[in-house]
PDB file of N, CA and C in Angstrom:
ATOM      1  N   MET A   1     -20.891  -0.760  37.161  1.00  0.00           N
ATOM      2  CA  MET A   1     -20.933   0.506  35.681  1.00  0.00           C
ATOM      3  C   MET A   1     -19.830   1.765  35.986  1.00  0.00           C
ATOM      4  N   ASN A   2     -20.132   1.854  36.977  1.00  0.00           N
ATOM      5  CA  ASN A   2     -19.344   3.095  37.224  1.00  0.00           C
ATOM      6  C   ASN A   2     -17.721   3.039  37.401  1.00  0.00           C
ATOM      7  N   SER A   3     -17.092   2.015  37.815  1.00  0.00           N
ATOM      8  CA  SER A   3     -15.633   2.004  37.404  1.00  0.00           C
ATOM      9  C   SER A   3     -15.524   1.468  36.267  1.00  0.00           C
ATOM     10  N   ARG A   4     -16.701   0.854  35.204  1.00  0.00           N
ATOM     11  CA  ARG A   4     -16.424   0.918  34.168  1.00  0.00           C
ATOM     12  C   ARG A   4     -16.399   2.346  33.223  1.00  0.00           C
ATOM     13  N   ARG A   5     -16.515   3.170  33.484  1.00  0.00           N
ATOM     14  CA  ARG A   5     -16.753   4.235  33.367  1.00  0.00           C
ATOM     15  C   ARG A   5     -15.743   5.116  33.800  1.00  0.00           C
ATOM     16  N   GLN A   6     -14.831   5.183  34.927  1.00  0.00           N
ATOM     17  CA  GLN A   6     -14.065   5.847  35.068  1.00  0.00           C
ATOM     18  C   GLN A   6     -12.846   5.008  34.481  1.00  0.00           C
ATOM     19  N   PHE A   7     -13.159   3.745  34.451  1.00  0.00           N
ATOM     20  CA  PHE A   7     -11.683   3.112  33.584  1.00  0.00           C
ATOM     21  C   PHE A   7     -11.773   3.458  32.035  1.00  0.00           C
ATOM     22  N   LEU A   8     -12.433   4.055  31.432  1.00  0.00           N
ATOM     23  CA  LEU A   8     -12.715   4.354  30.186  1.00  0.00           C
ATOM     24  C   LEU A   8     -12.029   6.000  30.158  1.00  0.00           C
ATOM     25  N   ILE A   9     -12.825   6.538  30.699  1.00  0.00           N
ATOM     26  CA  ILE A   9     -12.315   8.316  31.372  1.00  0.00           C
ATOM     27  C   ILE A   9     -11.537   8.522  31.281  1.00  0.00           C
ATOM     28  N   HIS A  10     -10.520   7.156  32.101  1.00  0.00           N
ATOM     29  CA  HIS A  10      -8.987   7.720  32.511  1.00  0.00           C
ATOM     30  C   HIS A  10      -7.913   7.029  31.082  1.00  0.00           C
ATOM     31  N   THR A  11      -8.506   5.685  30.798  1.00  0.00           N
ATOM     32  CA  THR A  11      -8.084   5.142  30.002  1.00  0.00           C
ATOM     33  C   THR A  11      -7.565   5.298  28.194  1.00  0.00           C
ATOM     34  N   ILE A  12      -8.523   6.301  28.110  1.00  0.00           N
ATOM     35  CA  ILE A  12      -8.696   6.921  26.408  1.00  0.00           C
ATOM     36  C   ILE A  12      -7.941   7.887  26.375  1.00  0.00           C
ATOM     37  N   PRO A  13      -7.897   8.953  27.072  1.00  0.00           N
ATOM     38  CA  PRO A  13      -7.031   9.856  26.876  1.00  0.00           C
ATOM     39  C   PRO A  13      -5.716   9.622  26.948  1.00  0.00           C
ATOM     40  N   ALA A  14      -5.371   8.832  27.924  1.00  0.00           N
ATOM     41  CA  ALA A  14      -3.736   8.225  28.008  1.00  0.00           C
ATOM     42  C   ALA A  14      -3.493   7.075  26.867  1.00  0.00           C
ATOM     43  N   ALA A  15      -4.147   6.468  26.168  1.00  0.00           N
ATOM     44  CA  ALA A  15      -3.726   6.108  24.814  1.00  0.00           C
ATOM     45  C   ALA A  15      -3.907   7.123  23.875  1.00  0.00           C
ATOM     46  N   LEU A  16      -4.633   8.035  23.864  1.00  0.00           N
ATOM     47  CA  LEU A  16      -4.223   8.963  22.583  1.00  0.00           C
ATOM     48  C   LEU A  16      -3.216   9.652  22.730  1.00  0.00           C
ATOM     49  N   SER A  17      -2.901  10.177  23.884  1.00  0.00           N
ATOM     50  CA  SER A  17      -1.126  10.906  24.532  1.00  0.00           C
ATOM     51  C   SER A  17      -0.616  10.281  24.534  1.00  0.00           C
ATOM     52  N   LEU A  18      -0.280   8.601  24.100  1.00  0.00           N
ATOM     53  CA  LEU A  18       0.794   7.666  24.041  1.00  0.00           C
ATOM     54  C   LEU A  18       0.828   8.188  22.386  1.00  0.00           C
ATOM     55  N   GLY A  19      -0.238   7.624  21.671  1.00  0.00           N
ATOM     56  CA  GLY A  19      -0.167   7.626  20.575  1.00  0.00           C
ATOM     57  C   GLY A  19       0.898   8.848  20.009  1.00  0.00           C
ATOM     58  N   VAL A  20       0.248  10.453  20.349  1.00  0.00           N
ATOM     59  CA  VAL A  20       0.897  11.451  19.914  1.00  0.00           C
ATOM     60  C   VAL A  20       2.244  11.531  20.450  1.00  0.00           C
ATOM     61  N   ALA A  21       2.848  10.691  21.247  1.00  0.00           N
ATOM     62  CA  ALA A  21       4.482  10.934  22.102  1.00  0.00           C
ATOM     63  C   ALA A  21       4.937   9.887  21.258  1.00  0.00           C
ATOM     64  N   LEU A  22       4.399   8.446  20.419  1.00  0.00           N
ATOM     65  CA  LEU A  22       4.872   7.913  19.697  1.00  0.00           C
ATOM     66  C   LEU A  22       5.314   8.455  18.488  1.00  0.00           C
ATOM     67  N   LYS A  23       4.304   9.218  17.889  1.00  0.00           N
ATOM     68  CA  LYS A  23       4.630  10.038  16.846  1.00  0.00           C
ATOM     69  C   LYS A  23       5.473  10.840  16.378  1.00  0.00           C
ATOM     70  N   ALA A  24       5.321  11.800  17.872  1.00  0.00           N
ATOM     71  CA  ALA A  24       6.630  12.696  17.895  1.00  0.00           C
ATOM     72  C   ALA A  24       8.249  11.945  18.315  1.00  0.00           C
ATOM     73  N   SER A  25       8.007  10.960  18.876  1.00  0.00           N
ATOM     74  CA  SER A  25       9.122  10.156  19.044  1.00  0.00           C
ATOM     75  C   SER A  25       9.238   9.839  17.284  1.00  0.00           C
ATOM     76  N   ALA A  26       8.694   9.429  16.716  1.00  0.00           N
ATOM     77  CA  ALA A  26       9.228   9.297  14.933  1.00  0.00           C
ATOM     78  C   ALA A  26       9.745  10.060  14.451  1.00  0.00           C
ATOM     79  N   GLN A  27       8.839  11.323  14.584  1.00  0.00           N
ATOM     80  CA  GLN A  27       9.432  12.427  13.640  1.00  0.00           C
ATOM     81  C   GLN A  27      10.742  12.816  14.317  1.00  0.00           C
ATOM     82  N   ALA A  28      10.894  12.823  15.468  1.00  0.00           N
ATOM     83  CA  ALA A  28      12.223  13.121  16.695  1.00  0.00           C
ATOM     84  C   ALA A  28      13.279  12.272  15.566  1.00  0.00           C
ATOM     85  N   ASN A  29      12.877  11.305  15.260  1.00  0.00           N
ATOM     86  CA  ASN A  29      14.441  10.653  14.176  1.00  0.00           C
ATOM     87  C   ASN A  29      14.542  11.091  12.928  1.00  0.00           C
ATOM     88  N   HIS A  30      13.203  12.005  12.454  1.00  0.00           N
ATOM     89  CA  HIS A  30      13.782  12.604  10.810  1.00  0.00           C
ATOM     90  C   HIS A  30      14.666  13.447  10.966  1.00  0.00           C
ATOM     91  N   ILE A  31      15.545  13.159   9.713  1.00  0.00           N
ATOM     92  CA  ILE A  31      16.679  14.003   9.698  1.00  0.00           C
ATOM     93  C   ILE A  31      16.474  15.090   9.481  1.00  0.00           C
ATOM     94  N   ASP A  32      16.820  16.554  10.163  1.00  0.00           N
ATOM     95  CA  ASP A  32      16.639  18.082   9.838  1.00  0.00           C
ATOM     96  C   ASP A  32      17.298  18.351   8.912  1.00  0.00           C
ATOM     97  N   GLU A  33      16.905  19.361   7.922  1.00  0.00           N
ATOM     98  CA  GLU A  33      17.794  19.346   6.353  1.00  0.00           C
ATOM     99  C   GLU A  33      18.953  20.524   6.971  1.00  0.00           C
ATOM    100  N   ASN A  34      18.561  21.123   8.252  1.00  0.00           N
ATOM    101  CA  ASN A  34      20.148  21.615   8.194  1.00  0.00           C
ATOM    102  C   ASN A  34      21.392  21.177   9.235  1.00  0.00           C
ATOM    103  N   ALA A  35      20.476  19.636   9.555  1.00  0.00           N
ATOM    104  CA  ALA A  35      21.093  19.308  10.250  1.00  0.00           C
ATOM    105  C   ALA A  35      23.059  19.174   9.689  1.00  0.00           C
ATOM    106  N   PRO A  36      24.247  19.242  10.303  1.00  0.00           N
ATOM    107  CA  PRO A  36      25.235  19.598   9.308  1.00  0.00           C
ATOM    108  C   PRO A  36      25.660  18.570   8.626  1.00  0.00           C
ATOM    109  N   ALA A  37      25.360  16.889   9.335  1.00  0.00           N
ATOM    110  CA  ALA A  37      25.366  16.340   8.778  1.00  0.00           C
ATOM    111  C   ALA A  37      24.858  16.247   6.895  1.00  0.00           C
ATOM    112  N   ALA A  38      23.187  16.708   6.988  1.00  0.00           N
ATOM    113  CA  ALA A  38      22.166  17.040   5.884  1.00  0.00           C
ATOM    114  C   ALA A  38      22.736  17.796   4.694  1.00  0.00           C
ATOM    115  N   THR A  39      23.590  18.943   5.283  1.00  0.00           N
ATOM    116  CA  THR A  39      23.904  20.112   4.621  1.00  0.00           C
ATOM    117  C   THR A  39      25.573  19.538   3.973  1.00  0.00           C
ATOM    118  N   ALA A  40      26.136  18.471   4.525  1.00  0.00           N
ATOM    119  CA  ALA A  40      27.241  18.300   3.954  1.00  0.00           C
ATOM    120  C   ALA A  40      26.625  17.663   2.384  1.00  0.00           C
ATOM    121  N   LEU A  41      25.855  16.847   2.737  1.00  0.00           N
ATOM    122  CA  LEU A  41      25.209  15.779   1.982  1.00  0.00           C
ATOM    123  C   LEU A  41      23.967  16.875   0.681  1.00  0.00           C
ATOM    124  N   GLY A  42      24.105  17.926   1.348  1.00  0.00           N
ATOM    125  CA  GLY A  42      23.000  18.403   0.217  1.00  0.00           C
ATOM    126  C   GLY A  42      21.803  17.763   0.660  1.00  0.00           C
ATOM    127  N   TYR A  43      21.451  17.158   1.469  1.00  0.00           N
ATOM    128  CA  TYR A  43      19.990  16.574   1.656  1.00  0.00           C
ATOM    129  C   TYR A  43      18.830  17.752   1.942  1.00  0.00           C
ATOM    130  N   LYS A  44      17.553  17.155   0.598  1.00  0.00           N
ATOM    131  CA  LYS A  44      16.478  18.067   0.816  1.00  0.00           C
ATOM    132  C   LYS A  44      15.569  16.771   1.046  1.00  0.00           C
ATOM    133  N   HIS A  45      14.400  17.238   1.937  1.00  0.00           N
ATOM    134  CA  HIS A  45      13.052  16.276   1.834  1.00  0.00           C
ATOM    135  C   HIS A  45      12.380  16.113   0.767  1.00  0.00           C
ATOM    136  N   ASP A  46      12.852  17.163  -0.218  1.00  0.00           N
ATOM    137  CA  ASP A  46      11.684  17.290  -1.467  1.00  0.00           C
ATOM    138  C   ASP A  46      12.882  17.194  -2.567  1.00  0.00           C
ATOM    139  N   ALA A  47      13.259  16.065  -3.278  1.00  0.00           N
ATOM    140  CA  ALA A  47      14.247  16.412  -4.047  1.00  0.00           C
ATOM    141  C   ALA A  47      13.854  17.435  -5.508  1.00  0.00           C
ATOM    142  N   SER A  48      12.613  17.709  -5.452  1.00  0.00           N
ATOM    143  CA  SER A  48      12.097  18.310  -6.779  1.00  0.00           C
ATOM    144  C   SER A  48      12.752  20.105  -6.048  1.00  0.00           C
ATOM    145  N   LYS A  49      13.569  20.355  -4.860  1.00  0.00           N
ATOM    146  CA  LYS A  49      13.856  20.936  -4.458  1.00  0.00           C
ATOM    147  C   LYS A  49      15.290  21.631  -4.447  1.00  0.00           C
ATOM    148  N   VAL A  50      15.847  20.387  -5.053  1.00  0.00           N
ATOM    149  CA  VAL A  50      17.252  20.043  -5.019  1.00  0.00           C
ATOM    150  C   VAL A  50      18.164  21.262  -6.132  1.00  0.00           C
ATOM    151  N   ASP A  51      19.026  22.653  -5.860  1.00  0.00           N
ATOM    152  CA  ASP A  51      19.597  22.915  -6.332  1.00  0.00           C
ATOM    153  C   ASP A  51      20.428  22.222  -7.517  1.00  0.00           C
ATOM    154  N   THR A  52      19.961  22.181  -8.472  1.00  0.00           N
ATOM    155  CA  THR A  52      21.237  21.184  -9.786  1.00  0.00           C
ATOM    156  C   THR A  52      21.974  21.871 -10.591  1.00  0.00           C
ATOM    157  N   LYS A  53      22.292  23.182 -10.103  1.00  0.00           N
ATOM    158  CA  LYS A  53      23.153  24.053 -10.350  1.00  0.00           C
ATOM    159  C   LYS A  53      24.481  23.546  -9.218  1.00  0.00           C
ATOM    160  N   LYS A  54      23.841  23.654  -7.904  1.00  0.00           N
ATOM    161  CA  LYS A  54      24.881  23.578  -7.121  1.00  0.00           C
ATOM    162  C   LYS A  54      25.211  21.720  -6.588  1.00  0.00           C
ATOM    163  N   TYR A  55      24.252  20.842  -7.399  1.00  0.00           N
ATOM    164  CA  TYR A  55      24.462  19.688  -7.184  1.00  0.00           C
ATOM    165  C   TYR A  55      23.785  19.127  -8.376  1.00  0.00           C
ATOM    166  N   PRO A  56      24.959  18.750  -9.868  1.00  0.00           N
ATOM    167  CA  PRO A  56      24.754  18.642 -11.124  1.00  0.00           C
ATOM    168  C   PRO A  56      24.637  16.992 -11.049  1.00  0.00           C
ATOM    169  N   ALA A  57      24.926  16.241 -10.153  1.00  0.00           N
ATOM    170  CA  ALA A  57      24.752  14.567 -10.378  1.00  0.00           C
ATOM    171  C   ALA A  57      23.117  14.338  -9.702  1.00  0.00           C
ATOM    172  N   TYR A  58      21.828  15.605  -9.512  1.00  0.00           N
ATOM    173  CA  TYR A  58      20.501  15.158  -9.146  1.00  0.00           C
ATOM    174  C   TYR A  58      20.271  14.970 -10.793  1.00  0.00           C
ATOM    175  N   ALA A  59      19.423  14.313 -11.040  1.00  0.00           N
ATOM    176  CA  ALA A  59      18.331  13.895 -11.831  1.00  0.00           C
ATOM    177  C   ALA A  59      16.770  13.674 -11.851  1.00  0.00           C
ATOM    178  N   ALA A  60      16.129  14.720 -12.400  1.00  0.00           N
ATOM    179  CA  ALA A  60      14.479  13.375 -12.054  1.00  0.00           C
ATOM    180  C   ALA A  60      14.604  12.553 -11.807  1.00  0.00           C
ATOM    181  N   GLY A  61      14.005  11.796 -10.846  1.00  0.00           N
ATOM    182  CA  GLY A  61      13.637  10.346 -10.520  1.00  0.00           C
ATOM    183  C   GLY A  61      14.736   9.729  -9.731  1.00  0.00           C
ATOM    184  N   LYS A  62      15.568  10.035  -9.405  1.00  0.00           N
ATOM    185  CA  LYS A  62      16.502   9.869  -8.124  1.00  0.00           C
ATOM    186  C   LYS A  62      16.177  10.484  -7.040  1.00  0.00           C
ATOM    187  N   ASN A  63      15.914   9.494  -6.081  1.00  0.00           N
ATOM    188  CA  ASN A  63      15.311  10.195  -4.854  1.00  0.00           C
ATOM    189  C   ASN A  63      15.495   9.233  -4.106  1.00  0.00           C
ATOM    190  N   CYS A  64      15.182   9.092  -2.224  1.00  0.00           N
ATOM    191  CA  CYS A  64      15.793   8.360  -1.503  1.00  0.00           C
ATOM    192  C   CYS A  64      15.250   7.369  -1.632  1.00  0.00           C
ATOM    193  N   SER A  65      14.284   6.883  -2.023  1.00  0.00           N
ATOM    194  CA  SER A  65      13.171   5.667  -2.040  1.00  0.00           C
ATOM    195  C   SER A  65      13.646   4.857  -3.193  1.00  0.00           C
ATOM    196  N   ASN A  66      14.762   5.144  -4.106  1.00  0.00           N
ATOM    197  CA  ASN A  66      15.501   4.135  -4.883  1.00  0.00           C
ATOM    198  C   ASN A  66      16.386   4.024  -4.573  1.00  0.00           C
ATOM    199  N   CYS A  67      17.564   4.797  -4.020  1.00  0.00           N
ATOM    200  CA  CYS A  67      18.566   4.933  -3.295  1.00  0.00           C
ATOM    201  C   CYS A  67      19.081   3.218  -2.707  1.00  0.00           C
ATOM    202  N   MET A  68      20.014   2.869  -2.788  1.00  0.00           N
ATOM    203  CA  MET A  68      20.749   1.630  -2.336  1.00  0.00           C
ATOM    204  C   MET A  68      20.833   1.810  -0.498  1.00  0.00           C
ATOM    205  N   LEU A  69      20.903   3.331   0.029  1.00  0.00           N
ATOM    206  CA  LEU A  69      21.039   3.429   1.217  1.00  0.00           C
ATOM    207  C   LEU A  69      20.301   3.533   2.103  1.00  0.00           C
ATOM    208  N   PHE A  70      19.029   3.835   0.952  1.00  0.00           N
ATOM    209  CA  PHE A  70      17.678   3.677   2.042  1.00  0.00           C
ATOM    210  C   PHE A  70      17.349   2.392   2.062  1.00  0.00           C
ATOM    211  N   GLN A  71      16.745   2.443   3.922  1.00  0.00           N
ATOM    212  CA  GLN A  71      16.741   0.684   4.580  1.00  0.00           C
ATOM    213  C   GLN A  71      15.286   0.674   5.004  1.00  0.00           C
ATOM    214  N   GLY A  72      14.466   1.401   3.963  1.00  0.00           N
ATOM    215  CA  GLY A  72      12.828   0.964   4.263  1.00  0.00           C
ATOM    216  C   GLY A  72      12.791   0.573   2.737  1.00  0.00           C
ATOM    217  N   LYS A  73      11.434   0.272   2.677  1.00  0.00           N
ATOM    218  CA  LYS A  73      10.852   0.222   1.006  1.00  0.00           C
ATOM    219  C   LYS A  73      10.803   0.936   0.561  1.00  0.00           C
ATOM    220  N   PRO A  74      10.459   0.510  -0.721  1.00  0.00           N
ATOM    221  CA  PRO A  74      10.119   1.796  -1.965  1.00  0.00           C
ATOM    222  C   PRO A  74       8.914   2.538  -1.779  1.00  0.00           C
ATOM    223  N   ALA A  75       8.274   2.066  -1.151  1.00  0.00           N
ATOM    224  CA  ALA A  75       6.727   2.623  -0.879  1.00  0.00           C
ATOM    225  C   ALA A  75       6.636   3.185   0.474  1.00  0.00           C
ATOM    226  N   ASP A  76       7.865   3.580   1.307  1.00  0.00           N
ATOM    227  CA  ASP A  76       7.653   3.815   2.910  1.00  0.00           C
ATOM    228  C   ASP A  76       8.088   5.037   2.649  1.00  0.00           C
ATOM    229  N   ALA A  77       6.919   6.060   3.406  1.00  0.00           N
ATOM    230  CA  ALA A  77       7.362   7.565   3.268  1.00  0.00           C
ATOM    231  C   ALA A  77       8.736   8.037   3.753  1.00  0.00           C
ATOM    232  N   TRP A  78       9.391   7.683   4.922  1.00  0.00           N
ATOM    233  CA  TRP A  78      10.612   7.586   5.640  1.00  0.00           C
ATOM    234  C   TRP A  78      10.941   6.420   6.283  1.00  0.00           C
ATOM    235  N   ALA A  79      12.398   6.404   5.785  1.00  0.00           N
ATOM    236  CA  ALA A  79      13.394   5.398   6.338  1.00  0.00           C
ATOM    237  C   ALA A  79      14.586   5.596   7.272  1.00  0.00           C
ATOM    238  N   ASN A  80      15.511   4.907   7.934  1.00  0.00           N
ATOM    239  CA  ASN A  80      16.395   5.488   7.924  1.00  0.00           C
ATOM    240  C   ASN A  80      17.593   5.200   6.908  1.00  0.00           C
ATOM    241  N   CYS A  81      18.640   5.916   6.604  1.00  0.00           N
ATOM    242  CA  CYS A  81      19.531   6.002   5.372  1.00  0.00           C
ATOM    243  C   CYS A  81      21.130   5.991   6.476  1.00  0.00           C
ATOM    244  N   ALA A  82      21.539   5.031   5.598  1.00  0.00           N
ATOM    245  CA  ALA A  82      23.438   4.594   5.573  1.00  0.00           C
ATOM    246  C   ALA A  82      23.956   5.799   6.234  1.00  0.00           C
ATOM    247  N   ALA A  83      23.725   6.517   5.191  1.00  0.00           N
ATOM    248  CA  ALA A  83      24.541   7.219   4.813  1.00  0.00           C
ATOM    249  C   ALA A  83      24.509   9.195   5.668  1.00  0.00           C
ATOM    250  N   LEU A  84      23.011   8.670   6.341  1.00  0.00           N
ATOM    251  CA  LEU A  84      22.999   9.977   7.399  1.00  0.00           C
ATOM    252  C   LEU A  84      23.203   9.234   8.819  1.00  0.00           C
ATOM    253  N   GLY A  85      23.248   8.589   9.172  1.00  0.00           N
ATOM    254  CA  GLY A  85      23.665   8.298  10.383  1.00  0.00           C
ATOM    255  C   GLY A  85      22.417   7.250  11.084  1.00  0.00           C
ATOM    256  N   GLY A  86      21.985   6.744  10.262  1.00  0.00           N
ATOM    257  CA  GLY A  86      20.390   5.897  11.050  1.00  0.00           C
ATOM    258  C   GLY A  86      18.937   6.870  11.101  1.00  0.00           C
ATOM    259  N   LYS A  87      19.650   8.318  10.735  1.00  0.00           N
ATOM    260  CA  LYS A  87      18.172   9.227  10.635  1.00  0.00           C
ATOM    261  C   LYS A  87      17.454   8.933   9.751  1.00  0.00           C
ATOM    262  N   GLN A  88      15.847   9.242   9.889  1.00  0.00           N
ATOM    263  CA  GLN A  88      14.884   8.839   9.051  1.00  0.00           C
ATOM    264  C   GLN A  88      15.185  10.049   7.824  1.00  0.00           C
ATOM    265  N   VAL A  89      15.271   9.371   6.714  1.00  0.00           N
ATOM    266  CA  VAL A  89      14.845  10.111   5.199  1.00  0.00           C
ATOM    267  C   VAL A  89      13.728  10.370   4.701  1.00  0.00           C
ATOM    268  N   ASN A  90      13.270  11.121   3.974  1.00  0.00           N
ATOM    269  CA  ASN A  90      12.210  11.145   3.379  1.00  0.00           C
ATOM    270  C   ASN A  90      12.094  10.466   2.168  1.00  0.00           C
ATOM    271  N   GLY A  91      11.366   9.517   1.480  1.00  0.00           N
ATOM    272  CA  GLY A  91      11.566   8.890   0.634  1.00  0.00           C
ATOM    273  C   GLY A  91      11.577   9.550  -0.443  1.00  0.00           C
ATOM    274  N   LYS A  92      10.788  10.814  -0.234  1.00  0.00           N
ATOM    275  CA  LYS A  92      10.717  11.880  -1.658  1.00  0.00           C
ATOM    276  C   LYS A  92      12.447  12.772  -1.698  1.00  0.00           C
ATOM    277  N   GLY A  93      12.971  12.567  -0.280  1.00  0.00           N
ATOM    278  CA  GLY A  93      14.565  13.117  -1.143  1.00  0.00           C
ATOM    279  C   GLY A  93      14.938  13.112  -1.596  1.00  0.00           C
ATOM    280  N   TRP A  94      16.418  13.290  -1.345  1.00  0.00           N
ATOM    281  CA  TRP A  94      17.621  13.322  -2.309  1.00  0.00           C
ATOM    282  C   TRP A  94      19.413  14.139  -1.378  1.00  0.00           C
ATOM    283  N   CYS A  95      20.210  13.309  -1.588  1.00  0.00           N
ATOM    284  CA  CYS A  95      21.353  13.557  -0.879  1.00  0.00           C
ATOM    285  C   CYS A  95      22.479  13.446  -2.087  1.00  0.00           C
ATOM    286  N   MET A  96      23.554  13.918  -2.074  1.00  0.00           N
ATOM    287  CA  MET A  96      25.063  13.635  -2.673  1.00  0.00           C
ATOM    288  C   MET A  96      24.801  12.233  -2.621  1.00  0.00           C
ATOM    289  N   ALA A  97      25.151  11.260  -1.657  1.00  0.00           N
ATOM    290  CA  ALA A  97      25.444  10.316  -1.410  1.00  0.00           C
ATOM    291  C   ALA A  97      24.684   9.027  -1.928  1.00  0.00           C
ATOM    292  N   TRP A  98      23.409   9.641  -2.838  1.00  0.00           N
ATOM    293  CA  TRP A  98      22.642   8.592  -3.679  1.00  0.00           C
ATOM    294  C   TRP A  98      23.259   7.765  -4.241  1.00  0.00           C
ATOM    295  N   ALA A  99      22.750   6.377  -4.443  1.00  0.00           N
ATOM    296  CA  ALA A  99      23.078   5.457  -5.390  1.00  0.00           C
ATOM    297  C   ALA A  99      21.954   4.478  -5.414  1.00  0.00           C
ATOM    298  N   LYS A 100      21.944   4.274  -7.163  1.00  0.00           N
ATOM    299  CA  LYS A 100      21.188   3.493  -7.581  1.00  0.00           C
ATOM    300  C   LYS A 100      21.086   1.894  -6.753  1.00  0.00           C
ATOM    301  N   LYS A 101      19.790   1.638  -6.726  1.00  0.00           N
ATOM    302  CA  LYS A 101      19.345   0.488  -5.436  1.00  0.00           C
ATOM    303  C   LYS A 101      19.669  -0.588  -6.678  1.00  0.00           C
ATOM    304  N   ALA A 102      20.193  -1.847  -6.368  1.00  0.00           N
ATOM    305  CA  ALA A 102      20.550  -2.881  -6.954  1.00  0.00           C
ATOM    306  C   ALA A 102      19.345  -3.601  -7.348  1.00  0.00           C
TER     307      ALA A 102
END
């Protein structure tokens, strides 16, 4: 009984910290809006915050999840983007490279 208790005492915190590390790793692959590639394309995590005067190509309903460069499923919150070097973009985001998914 004592060895089982010791096993659980050491295993559960280690498993929890691994989960936190994996989540942090996934977030580390999210593109930063201020990254040079992102700013060059006018990328925003939230398409509703796109400056429509600066980016007249933007229209409501255009977002990363319905772009042909979005390498995930339309329902994915984040997925890799071919235009941004494989970094993950928010499905609700937008950039000038947006092209309608066929």
